[in-house]
C-alpha atoms as a PDB file:
ATOM      1  CA  UNK A   1      -3.107   4.287   7.883  1.00  0.00           C
ATOM      2  CA  UNK A   2      -5.893   2.606   9.786  1.00  0.00           C
ATOM      3  CA  UNK A   3      -6.079   2.450  13.539  1.00  0.00           C
ATOM      4  CA  UNK A   4      -6.075  -1.088  14.951  1.00  0.00           C
ATOM      5  CA  UNK A   5      -8.979  -1.911  17.270  1.00  0.00           C
ATOM      6  CA  UNK A   6      -8.596  -4.527  19.965  1.00  0.00           C
ATOM      7  CA  UNK A   7      -9.273  -7.316  20.577  1.00  0.00           C
ATOM      8  CA  UNK A   8      -8.196  -8.406  17.103  1.00  0.00           C
ATOM      9  CA  UNK A   9      -7.195 -11.582  15.289  1.00  0.00           C
ATOM     10  CA  UNK A  10      -3.824 -12.576  13.865  1.00  0.00           C
ATOM     11  CA  UNK A  11      -3.377 -15.355  11.291  1.00  0.00           C
ATOM     12  CA  UNK A  12      -0.828 -18.014  10.363  1.00  0.00           C
ATOM     13  CA  UNK A  13      -0.736 -20.522   7.532  1.00  0.00           C
ATOM     14  CA  UNK A  14      -1.049 -23.467   7.322  1.00  0.00           C
ATOM     15  CA  UNK A  15      -3.533 -24.457  10.001  1.00  0.00           C
ATOM     16  CA  UNK A  16      -6.676 -26.315  10.893  1.00  0.00           C
ATOM     17  CA  UNK A  17      -9.230 -23.878   9.430  1.00  0.00           C
ATOM     18  CA  UNK A  18     -10.140 -23.807   5.740  1.00  0.00           C
ATOM     19  CA  UNK A  19     -10.440 -20.541   3.789  1.00  0.00           C
ATOM     20  CA  UNK A  20     -12.670 -20.134   0.733  1.00  0.00           C
ATOM     21  CA  UNK A  21      -9.559 -19.704  -1.409  1.00  0.00           C
ATOM     22  CA  UNK A  22      -8.514 -23.254  -0.516  1.00  0.00           C
ATOM     23  CA  UNK A  23      -5.794 -22.243   1.932  1.00  0.00           C
ATOM     24  CA  UNK A  24      -5.664 -23.582   5.470  1.00  0.00           C
ATOM     25  CA  UNK A  25      -4.950 -21.251   8.370  1.00  0.00           C
ATOM     26  CA  UNK A  26      -4.935 -20.795  12.118  1.00  0.00           C
ATOM     27  CA  UNK A  27      -5.977 -17.718  14.011  1.00  0.00           C
ATOM     28  CA  UNK A  28      -5.770 -16.369  17.512  1.00  0.00           C
ATOM     29  CA  UNK A  29      -7.022 -13.321  19.348  1.00  0.00           C
ATOM     30  CA  UNK A  30      -4.764 -10.595  20.686  1.00  0.00           C
ATOM     31  CA  UNK A  31      -5.941  -8.202  23.385  1.00  0.00           C
ATOM     32  CA  UNK A  32      -3.757  -5.135  22.899  1.00  0.00           C
ATOM     33  CA  UNK A  33      -1.092  -3.494  20.761  1.00  0.00           C
ATOM     34  CA  UNK A  34       1.814  -5.093  22.659  1.00  0.00           C
ATOM     35  CA  UNK A  35       0.408  -8.586  22.231  1.00  0.00           C
ATOM     36  CA  UNK A  36      -0.299  -7.787  18.563  1.00  0.00           C
ATOM     37  CA  UNK A  37       3.293  -6.663  17.985  1.00  0.00           C
ATOM     38  CA  UNK A  38       4.639  -9.780  19.738  1.00  0.00           C
ATOM     39  CA  UNK A  39       2.445 -12.013  17.576  1.00  0.00           C
ATOM     40  CA  UNK A  40       3.617 -10.314  14.384  1.00  0.00           C
ATOM     41  CA  UNK A  41       7.234 -10.818  15.467  1.00  0.00           C
ATOM     42  CA  UNK A  42       6.400 -14.459  16.184  1.00  0.00           C
ATOM     43  CA  UNK A  43       5.403 -15.182  12.593  1.00  0.00           C
ATOM     44  CA  UNK A  44       1.697 -14.316  12.707  1.00  0.00           C
ATOM     45  CA  UNK A  45       0.174 -11.915  10.161  1.00  0.00           C
ATOM     46  CA  UNK A  46      -2.260  -9.060  10.644  1.00  0.00           C
ATOM     47  CA  UNK A  47      -4.526 -10.226   7.804  1.00  0.00           C
ATOM     48  CA  UNK A  48      -5.381 -13.608   6.352  1.00  0.00           C
ATOM     49  CA  UNK A  49      -4.264 -12.769   2.784  1.00  0.00           C
ATOM     50  CA  UNK A  50      -0.887 -11.678   4.169  1.00  0.00           C
ATOM     51  CA  UNK A  51      -0.578 -14.975   6.044  1.00  0.00           C
ATOM     52  CA  UNK A  52      -1.401 -16.950   2.890  1.00  0.00           C
ATOM     53  CA  UNK A  53       1.150 -15.033   0.826  1.00  0.00           C
ATOM     54  CA  UNK A  54       3.780 -15.418   3.568  1.00  0.00           C
ATOM     55  CA  UNK A  55       3.260 -19.203   3.677  1.00  0.00           C
ATOM     56  CA  UNK A  56       3.211 -19.638  -0.086  1.00  0.00           C
ATOM     57  CA  UNK A  57       1.921 -22.809  -1.737  1.00  0.00           C
ATOM     58  CA  UNK A  58       2.162 -24.748   1.542  1.00  0.00           C
ATOM     59  CA  UNK A  59      -0.998 -22.953   2.687  1.00  0.00           C
ATOM     60  CA  UNK A  60      -2.938 -24.731  -0.071  1.00  0.00           C
ATOM     61  CA  UNK A  61      -1.256 -28.139   0.199  1.00  0.00           C
ATOM     62  CA  UNK A  62      -1.254 -28.642   3.976  1.00  0.00           C
ATOM     63  CA  UNK A  63      -3.161 -31.748   5.115  1.00  0.00           C
ATOM     64  CA  UNK A  64      -3.665 -33.084   1.606  1.00  0.00           C
ATOM     65  CA  UNK A  65      -2.476 -36.472   0.406  1.00  0.00           C
ATOM     66  CA  UNK A  66       0.022 -36.593  -2.443  1.00  0.00           C
ATOM     67  CA  UNK A  67      -2.798 -37.494  -4.850  1.00  0.00           C
ATOM     68  CA  UNK A  68      -4.904 -34.551  -3.664  1.00  0.00           C
ATOM     69  CA  UNK A  69      -1.894 -32.224  -3.759  1.00  0.00           C
ATOM     70  CA  UNK A  70      -1.346 -33.070  -7.434  1.00  0.00           C
ATOM     71  CA  UNK A  71      -4.874 -31.884  -8.262  1.00  0.00           C
ATOM     72  CA  UNK A  72      -4.545 -28.570  -6.363  1.00  0.00           C
ATOM     73  CA  UNK A  73      -3.327 -25.692  -8.568  1.00  0.00           C
ATOM     74  CA  UNK A  74      -1.486 -24.134  -5.606  1.00  0.00           C
ATOM     75  CA  UNK A  75       0.585 -21.731  -7.712  1.00  0.00           C
ATOM     76  CA  UNK A  76      -2.521 -20.386  -9.446  1.00  0.00           C
ATOM     77  CA  UNK A  77      -4.432 -20.020  -6.155  1.00  0.00           C
ATOM     78  CA  UNK A  78      -1.487 -18.239  -4.557  1.00  0.00           C
ATOM     79  CA  UNK A  79      -1.251 -15.877  -7.540  1.00  0.00           C
ATOM     80  CA  UNK A  80      -4.931 -14.999  -7.134  1.00  0.00           C
ATOM     81  CA  UNK A  81      -4.456 -14.187  -3.437  1.00  0.00           C
ATOM     82  CA  UNK A  82      -1.378 -12.087  -4.227  1.00  0.00           C
ATOM     83  CA  UNK A  83      -3.321 -10.191  -6.885  1.00  0.00           C
ATOM     84  CA  UNK A  84      -6.240  -9.503  -4.541  1.00  0.00           C
ATOM     85  CA  UNK A  85      -3.800  -8.349  -1.852  1.00  0.00           C
ATOM     86  CA  UNK A  86      -2.110  -6.008  -4.333  1.00  0.00           C
ATOM     87  CA  UNK A  87      -5.473  -4.565  -5.401  1.00  0.00           C
ATOM     88  CA  UNK A  88      -6.533  -4.007  -1.805  1.00  0.00           C
ATOM     89  CA  UNK A  89      -3.302  -2.245  -0.884  1.00  0.00           C
ATOM     90  CA  UNK A  90      -3.645   1.509  -1.159  1.00  0.00           C
ATOM     91  CA  UNK A  91      -1.384   3.158  -3.669  1.00  0.00           C
ATOM     92  CA  UNK A  92       1.471   4.967  -1.997  1.00  0.00           C
ATOM     93  CA  UNK A  93       0.600   8.581  -1.489  1.00  0.00           C
ATOM     94  CA  UNK A  94       2.770  10.929  -3.494  1.00  0.00           C
ATOM     95  CA  UNK A  95       4.895  13.255  -1.450  1.00  0.00           C
ATOM     96  CA  UNK A  96       2.780  16.345  -1.131  1.00  0.00           C
ATOM     97  CA  UNK A  97       4.591  19.327  -2.490  1.00  0.00           C
ATOM     98  CA  UNK A  98       4.353  22.398  -0.336  1.00  0.00           C
ATOM     99  CA  UNK A  99       2.125  25.004  -1.817  1.00  0.00           C
ATOM    100  CA  UNK A 100       4.242  27.658  -3.447  1.00  0.00           C
ATOM    101  CA  UNK A 101       4.247  30.979  -1.732  1.00  0.00           C
ATOM    102  CA  UNK A 102       2.545  33.253  -4.168  1.00  0.00           C
ATOM    103  CA  UNK A 103       3.358  36.923  -4.450  1.00  0.00           C
ATOM    104  CA  UNK A 104       0.873  37.141  -7.292  1.00  0.00           C
ATOM    105  CA  UNK A 105      -1.861  39.720  -6.982  1.00  0.00           C
ATOM    106  CA  UNK A 106      -5.229  38.469  -5.716  1.00  0.00           C
ATOM    107  CA  UNK A 107      -7.667  37.140  -8.251  1.00  0.00           C
ATOM    108  CA  UNK A 108     -10.876  38.941  -9.129  1.00  0.00           C
ATOM    109  CA  UNK A 109     -12.873  36.340  -7.182  1.00  0.00           C
ATOM    110  CA  UNK A 110     -10.720  36.830  -4.076  1.00  0.00           C
ATOM    111  CA  UNK A 111     -11.138  40.589  -4.306  1.00  0.00           C
ATOM    112  CA  UNK A 112     -14.920  40.243  -4.699  1.00  0.00           C
ATOM    113  CA  UNK A 113     -15.033  38.017  -1.604  1.00  0.00           C
ATOM    114  CA  UNK A 114     -13.029  40.559   0.390  1.00  0.00           C
ATOM    115  CA  UNK A 115     -15.264  43.374  -0.827  1.00  0.00           C
ATOM    116  CA  UNK A 116     -18.320  41.431   0.320  1.00  0.00           C
ATOM    117  CA  UNK A 117     -16.747  40.965   3.768  1.00  0.00           C
ATOM    118  CA  UNK A 118     -16.110  44.716   3.950  1.00  0.00           C
ATOM    119  CA  UNK A 119     -19.649  45.395   2.695  1.00  0.00           C
ATOM    120  CA  UNK A 120     -18.423  47.433  -0.251  1.00  0.00           C
ATOM    121  CA  UNK A 121     -20.742  48.165  -3.113  1.00  0.00           C
ATOM    122  CA  UNK A 122     -18.860  46.992  -6.184  1.00  0.00           C
ATOM    123  CA  UNK A 123     -19.468  48.295  -9.664  1.00  0.00           C
ATOM    124  CA  UNK A 124     -18.812  45.548 -12.198  1.00  0.00           C
ATOM    125  CA  UNK A 125     -17.209  48.062 -14.513  1.00  0.00           C
ATOM    126  CA  UNK A 126     -14.336  48.680 -12.087  1.00  0.00           C
ATOM    127  CA  UNK A 127     -10.985  47.310 -13.152  1.00  0.00           C
ATOM    128  CA  UNK A 128      -9.067  45.010 -10.858  1.00  0.00           C
ATOM    129  CA  UNK A 129      -6.778  47.905  -9.916  1.00  0.00           C
ATOM    130  CA  UNK A 130      -9.713  50.113  -8.947  1.00  0.00           C
ATOM    131  CA  UNK A 131     -11.356  47.320  -6.957  1.00  0.00           C
ATOM    132  CA  UNK A 132      -8.098  46.627  -5.111  1.00  0.00           C
ATOM    133  CA  UNK A 133      -7.654  50.326  -4.341  1.00  0.00           C
ATOM    134  CA  UNK A 134     -11.221  50.542  -2.952  1.00  0.00           C
ATOM    135  CA  UNK A 135     -10.642  47.433  -0.794  1.00  0.00           C
ATOM    136  CA  UNK A 136      -7.343  48.818   0.533  1.00  0.00           C
ATOM    137  CA  UNK A 137      -8.998  52.166   1.306  1.00  0.00           C
ATOM    138  CA  UNK A 138     -11.880  50.451   3.130  1.00  0.00           C
ATOM    139  CA  UNK A 139      -9.465  48.334   5.132  1.00  0.00           C
ATOM    140  CA  UNK A 140      -7.435  51.419   6.080  1.00  0.00           C
ATOM    141  CA  UNK A 141     -10.630  53.166   7.220  1.00  0.00           C
ATOM    142  CA  UNK A 142     -11.606  50.145   9.345  1.00  0.00           C
ATOM    143  CA  UNK A 143      -8.122  49.785  10.882  1.00  0.00           C
ATOM    144  CA  UNK A 144      -8.441  50.699  14.584  1.00  0.00           C
ATOM    145  CA  UNK A 145      -4.830  51.917  15.003  1.00  0.00           C
END
């Protein structure tokens, strides 16, 4: 989720301004989060594509004569805006599953890291059991109890 910075604009369709998609819109500035929330409750939208989609085909036909309106493929233009809005929307994040608590023994890499922290000289021929025993012994020697 993005953090809103203020001042910001809110949008409503139709209006007196012309968008490159062919839709008409109005905009106004809001100074803070409370004013932004009030504007959204009053029918304004946070983004221009949302305002166009909320208004529907009217956003493309506003201010046009009946002859001009017949030539405007409003349904097609609205579909394009809806598609671009859908592409821009982030996919919902999957519910993160908690990492399972693992009672599995440490991996060889984890043991080698721990041995390096304890400054143990490791012989590559040691088995995992021997390496673990050496690490446990070194940790017991370093324990200041």
